C-alpha cells in the first residue's frame, strides 16, 4: 500500500506520507496492524486527492523539518519519593 502511494505522490508528498506513517505507528501502538493500515490508507488517499486537485505537495520549511526529524522521546514521570506505586490491573473497555 505505501509503495503504491509513493509512486503516485510527489517527492515532498512521499516525505509527508512517511512522516505521517511513522507518527501513526508511534502514537497508536495500542491499535492492531489492521487499524493502522486503514488509517495510513486514508492518509494516502487524502494526499493523492490533494495533489491531483492542487498539484504537488509543497511543505513549508517547518513542515519539512518536522517530517524529517525524529520526535523527542518522553521519559516516564518519576514516582513521588517515599511512595511505591503498584501497577494497576488491566481494564477491559468496549471498543467504539
N, C-alpha and C. Protein backbone atom coordinates (compact mmCIF):
# COMPACT_ATOMS: atom_id res chain seq x y z
N UNK A 1 0.84 -1.19 0.00
CA UNK A 1 0.00 0.00 0.00
C UNK A 1 0.88 1.25 0.00
N UNK A 2 1.84 1.32 0.91
CA UNK A 2 2.69 2.50 0.98
C UNK A 2 3.53 2.62 -0.29
N UNK A 3 3.97 1.50 -0.84
CA UNK A 3 4.76 1.55 -2.07
C UNK A 3 3.94 2.12 -3.22
N UNK A 4 2.65 1.75 -3.30
CA UNK A 4 1.77 2.31 -4.32
C UNK A 4 1.65 3.82 -4.14
N UNK A 5 1.47 4.24 -2.91
CA UNK A 5 1.30 5.66 -2.62
C UNK A 5 2.54 6.44 -3.01
N UNK A 6 3.70 5.88 -2.75
CA UNK A 6 4.94 6.58 -3.07
C UNK A 6 5.06 6.84 -4.57
N UNK A 7 4.55 5.94 -5.39
CA UNK A 7 4.63 6.12 -6.83
C UNK A 7 3.72 7.24 -7.31
N UNK A 8 2.60 7.46 -6.61
CA UNK A 8 1.60 8.43 -7.05
C UNK A 8 1.84 9.83 -6.51
N UNK A 9 2.68 9.98 -5.51
CA UNK A 9 2.88 11.28 -4.86
C UNK A 9 4.17 11.93 -5.33
N UNK A 10 4.22 13.23 -5.16
CA UNK A 10 5.45 13.97 -5.44
C UNK A 10 6.49 13.60 -4.38
N UNK A 11 7.71 14.04 -4.58
CA UNK A 11 8.77 13.73 -3.62
C UNK A 11 8.42 14.26 -2.23
N UNK A 12 7.96 15.51 -2.16
CA UNK A 12 7.58 16.07 -0.86
C UNK A 12 6.35 15.36 -0.30
N UNK A 13 5.45 14.94 -1.16
CA UNK A 13 4.29 14.18 -0.71
C UNK A 13 4.71 12.86 -0.09
N UNK A 14 5.72 12.22 -0.68
CA UNK A 14 6.23 10.96 -0.12
C UNK A 14 6.87 11.19 1.25
N UNK A 15 7.58 12.30 1.40
CA UNK A 15 8.19 12.62 2.70
C UNK A 15 7.09 12.82 3.74
N UNK A 16 6.03 13.54 3.36
CA UNK A 16 4.93 13.78 4.30
C UNK A 16 4.23 12.48 4.65
N UNK A 17 4.01 11.60 3.66
CA UNK A 17 3.36 10.33 3.92
C UNK A 17 4.21 9.48 4.86
N UNK A 18 5.52 9.45 4.64
CA UNK A 18 6.40 8.67 5.51
C UNK A 18 6.37 9.21 6.93
N UNK A 19 6.40 10.53 7.07
CA UNK A 19 6.37 11.13 8.40
C UNK A 19 5.05 10.83 9.11
N UNK A 20 3.95 10.94 8.38
CA UNK A 20 2.65 10.64 8.99
C UNK A 20 2.55 9.17 9.35
N UNK A 21 3.08 8.29 8.52
CA UNK A 21 3.05 6.86 8.81
C UNK A 21 3.83 6.54 10.09
N UNK A 22 5.00 7.15 10.22
CA UNK A 22 5.80 6.95 11.44
C UNK A 22 5.06 7.47 12.66
N UNK A 23 4.44 8.63 12.54
CA UNK A 23 3.68 9.21 13.65
C UNK A 23 2.54 8.28 14.05
N UNK A 24 1.83 7.75 13.06
CA UNK A 24 0.73 6.82 13.35
C UNK A 24 1.28 5.61 14.10
N UNK A 25 2.40 5.07 13.65
CA UNK A 25 2.98 3.90 14.33
C UNK A 25 3.34 4.22 15.78
N UNK A 26 3.94 5.38 16.00
CA UNK A 26 4.36 5.74 17.36
C UNK A 26 3.18 6.05 18.27
N UNK A 27 2.24 6.82 17.78
CA UNK A 27 1.15 7.30 18.62
C UNK A 27 0.05 6.26 18.83
N UNK A 28 -0.03 5.30 17.97
CA UNK A 28 -1.15 4.37 18.05
C UNK A 28 -0.67 2.94 18.27
N UNK A 29 0.34 2.78 19.10
CA UNK A 29 0.90 1.46 19.31
C UNK A 29 -0.09 0.49 19.97
N UNK A 30 -1.17 1.01 20.52
CA UNK A 30 -2.18 0.13 21.12
C UNK A 30 -3.06 -0.53 20.07
N UNK A 31 -3.15 0.06 18.90
CA UNK A 31 -4.02 -0.49 17.87
C UNK A 31 -3.35 -1.64 17.15
N UNK A 32 -4.17 -2.48 16.57
CA UNK A 32 -3.61 -3.59 15.83
C UNK A 32 -3.15 -3.14 14.44
N UNK A 33 -2.46 -3.99 13.77
CA UNK A 33 -1.88 -3.67 12.47
C UNK A 33 -2.96 -3.31 11.45
N UNK A 34 -4.09 -3.98 11.50
CA UNK A 34 -5.17 -3.70 10.54
C UNK A 34 -5.68 -2.27 10.68
N UNK A 35 -5.87 -1.83 11.91
CA UNK A 35 -6.35 -0.46 12.13
C UNK A 35 -5.32 0.56 11.64
N UNK A 36 -4.05 0.32 11.91
CA UNK A 36 -3.00 1.22 11.44
C UNK A 36 -2.99 1.28 9.91
N UNK A 37 -3.15 0.13 9.27
CA UNK A 37 -3.15 0.08 7.81
C UNK A 37 -4.31 0.88 7.24
N UNK A 38 -5.48 0.79 7.88
CA UNK A 38 -6.64 1.55 7.41
C UNK A 38 -6.41 3.05 7.54
N UNK A 39 -5.81 3.47 8.64
CA UNK A 39 -5.54 4.90 8.85
C UNK A 39 -4.52 5.40 7.83
N UNK A 40 -3.48 4.62 7.60
CA UNK A 40 -2.47 5.01 6.61
C UNK A 40 -3.07 5.07 5.21
N UNK A 41 -3.97 4.14 4.88
CA UNK A 41 -4.62 4.16 3.58
C UNK A 41 -5.45 5.44 3.42
N UNK A 42 -6.11 5.86 4.49
CA UNK A 42 -6.88 7.10 4.45
C UNK A 42 -5.95 8.29 4.19
N UNK A 43 -4.84 8.36 4.91
CA UNK A 43 -3.88 9.46 4.73
C UNK A 43 -3.37 9.46 3.30
N UNK A 44 -3.03 8.29 2.77
CA UNK A 44 -2.54 8.18 1.40
C UNK A 44 -3.58 8.69 0.43
N UNK A 45 -4.83 8.23 0.57
CA UNK A 45 -5.89 8.64 -0.35
C UNK A 45 -6.11 10.15 -0.31
N UNK A 46 -6.07 10.73 0.88
CA UNK A 46 -6.28 12.17 1.01
C UNK A 46 -5.12 12.95 0.39
N UNK A 47 -3.89 12.48 0.57
CA UNK A 47 -2.74 13.16 -0.04
C UNK A 47 -2.81 13.08 -1.56
N UNK A 48 -3.19 11.91 -2.08
CA UNK A 48 -3.32 11.76 -3.54
C UNK A 48 -4.40 12.70 -4.06
N UNK A 49 -5.56 12.76 -3.40
CA UNK A 49 -6.64 13.66 -3.83
C UNK A 49 -6.16 15.11 -3.82
N UNK A 50 -5.45 15.49 -2.75
CA UNK A 50 -4.95 16.86 -2.64
C UNK A 50 -3.99 17.18 -3.78
N UNK A 51 -3.07 16.26 -4.06
CA UNK A 51 -2.10 16.52 -5.12
C UNK A 51 -2.75 16.54 -6.50
N UNK A 52 -3.76 15.72 -6.72
CA UNK A 52 -4.46 15.74 -8.01
C UNK A 52 -5.21 17.06 -8.19
N UNK A 53 -5.77 17.58 -7.11
CA UNK A 53 -6.54 18.82 -7.19
C UNK A 53 -5.66 20.06 -7.19
N UNK A 54 -4.58 20.04 -6.41
CA UNK A 54 -3.79 21.26 -6.19
C UNK A 54 -2.36 21.18 -6.70
N UNK A 55 -1.93 20.04 -7.20
CA UNK A 55 -0.55 19.89 -7.63
C UNK A 55 0.30 19.30 -6.52
N UNK A 56 1.59 19.15 -6.77
CA UNK A 56 2.49 18.52 -5.79
C UNK A 56 2.45 19.23 -4.43
N UNK A 57 2.67 18.44 -3.40
CA UNK A 57 2.74 18.97 -2.05
C UNK A 57 3.95 19.88 -1.93
N UNK A 58 3.75 21.05 -1.36
CA UNK A 58 4.85 21.99 -1.13
C UNK A 58 4.83 22.36 0.34
N UNK A 59 5.54 21.58 1.17
CA UNK A 59 5.55 21.87 2.60
C UNK A 59 6.42 23.08 2.92
N UNK A 60 6.06 23.75 3.99
CA UNK A 60 6.87 24.87 4.47
C UNK A 60 8.17 24.31 5.05
N UNK A 61 9.11 25.19 5.34
CA UNK A 61 10.38 24.77 5.94
C UNK A 61 10.13 24.07 7.28
N UNK A 62 9.18 24.59 8.06
CA UNK A 62 8.86 23.97 9.35
C UNK A 62 8.29 22.57 9.16
N UNK A 63 7.42 22.41 8.16
CA UNK A 63 6.84 21.09 7.90
C UNK A 63 7.90 20.11 7.45
N UNK A 64 8.83 20.56 6.59
CA UNK A 64 9.91 19.68 6.15
C UNK A 64 10.77 19.24 7.32
N UNK A 65 11.10 20.20 8.20
CA UNK A 65 11.92 19.89 9.36
C UNK A 65 11.21 18.89 10.27
N UNK A 66 9.92 19.11 10.50
CA UNK A 66 9.15 18.22 11.36
C UNK A 66 9.02 16.83 10.75
N UNK A 67 8.89 16.77 9.42
CA UNK A 67 8.71 15.48 8.74
C UNK A 67 9.99 14.66 8.70
N UNK A 68 11.15 15.32 8.73
CA UNK A 68 12.40 14.59 8.59
C UNK A 68 13.17 14.40 9.90
N UNK A 69 12.76 15.07 10.96
CA UNK A 69 13.46 14.91 12.22
C UNK A 69 12.66 14.01 13.15
N UNK A 70 13.34 13.17 13.91
CA UNK A 70 12.63 12.27 14.83
C UNK A 70 11.98 13.06 15.96
N UNK A 71 10.87 12.54 16.43
CA UNK A 71 10.21 13.18 17.57
C UNK A 71 11.00 12.88 18.84
N UNK A 72 11.04 13.82 19.76
CA UNK A 72 11.72 13.53 21.02
C UNK A 72 10.93 12.48 21.79
N UNK A 73 11.67 11.62 22.45
CA UNK A 73 11.00 10.61 23.27
C UNK A 73 10.76 11.17 24.66
N UNK A 74 9.67 10.77 25.24
CA UNK A 74 9.34 11.24 26.57
C UNK A 74 9.77 10.22 27.61
N UNK A 75 10.44 10.68 28.62
CA UNK A 75 10.81 9.80 29.72
C UNK A 75 9.61 9.70 30.66
N UNK A 76 9.40 8.53 31.25
CA UNK A 76 8.27 8.42 32.18
C UNK A 76 8.48 9.34 33.38
N UNK A 77 7.39 9.84 33.90
CA UNK A 77 7.47 10.74 35.05
C UNK A 77 8.00 9.97 36.26
N UNK A 78 8.88 10.60 37.02
CA UNK A 78 9.42 9.90 38.19
C UNK A 78 8.33 9.72 39.25
N UNK A 79 8.42 8.61 39.97
CA UNK A 79 7.46 8.34 41.04
C UNK A 79 7.75 9.27 42.21
N UNK A 80 6.72 9.69 42.93
CA UNK A 80 6.94 10.54 44.11
C UNK A 80 7.81 9.81 45.13
N UNK A 81 8.69 10.55 45.78
CA UNK A 81 9.59 9.95 46.77
C UNK A 81 8.80 9.40 47.95
N UNK A 82 9.22 8.23 48.42
CA UNK A 82 8.61 7.66 49.61
C UNK A 82 7.31 6.89 49.35
N UNK A 83 6.85 6.88 48.12
CA UNK A 83 5.62 6.13 47.80
C UNK A 83 5.92 5.11 46.73
N UNK A 84 5.42 3.95 46.94
CA UNK A 84 5.57 2.92 45.93
C UNK A 84 4.26 2.83 45.15
N UNK A 85 4.38 2.87 43.86
CA UNK A 85 3.19 2.80 43.02
C UNK A 85 3.07 1.38 42.48
N UNK A 86 1.95 0.75 42.80
CA UNK A 86 1.69 -0.60 42.32
C UNK A 86 1.04 -0.51 40.94
N UNK A 87 1.36 -1.43 40.06
CA UNK A 87 0.71 -1.41 38.74
C UNK A 87 -0.78 -1.73 38.87
N UNK A 88 -1.55 -1.09 38.01
CA UNK A 88 -2.99 -1.33 38.01
C UNK A 88 -3.30 -2.60 37.25
N UNK A 89 -4.40 -3.24 37.62
CA UNK A 89 -4.86 -4.39 36.88
C UNK A 89 -5.39 -3.92 35.53
N UNK A 90 -5.26 -4.72 34.50
CA UNK A 90 -5.77 -4.31 33.19
C UNK A 90 -7.29 -4.09 33.25
N UNK A 91 -7.74 -3.08 32.51
CA UNK A 91 -9.17 -2.80 32.45
C UNK A 91 -9.68 -3.16 31.08
N UNK A 92 -10.86 -3.74 31.03
CA UNK A 92 -11.49 -4.05 29.76
C UNK A 92 -12.45 -2.94 29.41
N UNK A 93 -12.37 -2.46 28.21
CA UNK A 93 -13.30 -1.43 27.75
C UNK A 93 -13.91 -1.90 26.44
N UNK A 94 -15.06 -1.36 26.17
CA UNK A 94 -15.73 -1.68 24.90
C UNK A 94 -15.18 -0.77 23.82
N UNK A 95 -14.89 -1.35 22.67
CA UNK A 95 -14.42 -0.53 21.55
C UNK A 95 -15.57 0.27 20.98
N UNK A 96 -15.21 1.31 20.30
CA UNK A 96 -16.24 2.15 19.69
C UNK A 96 -16.58 1.69 18.32
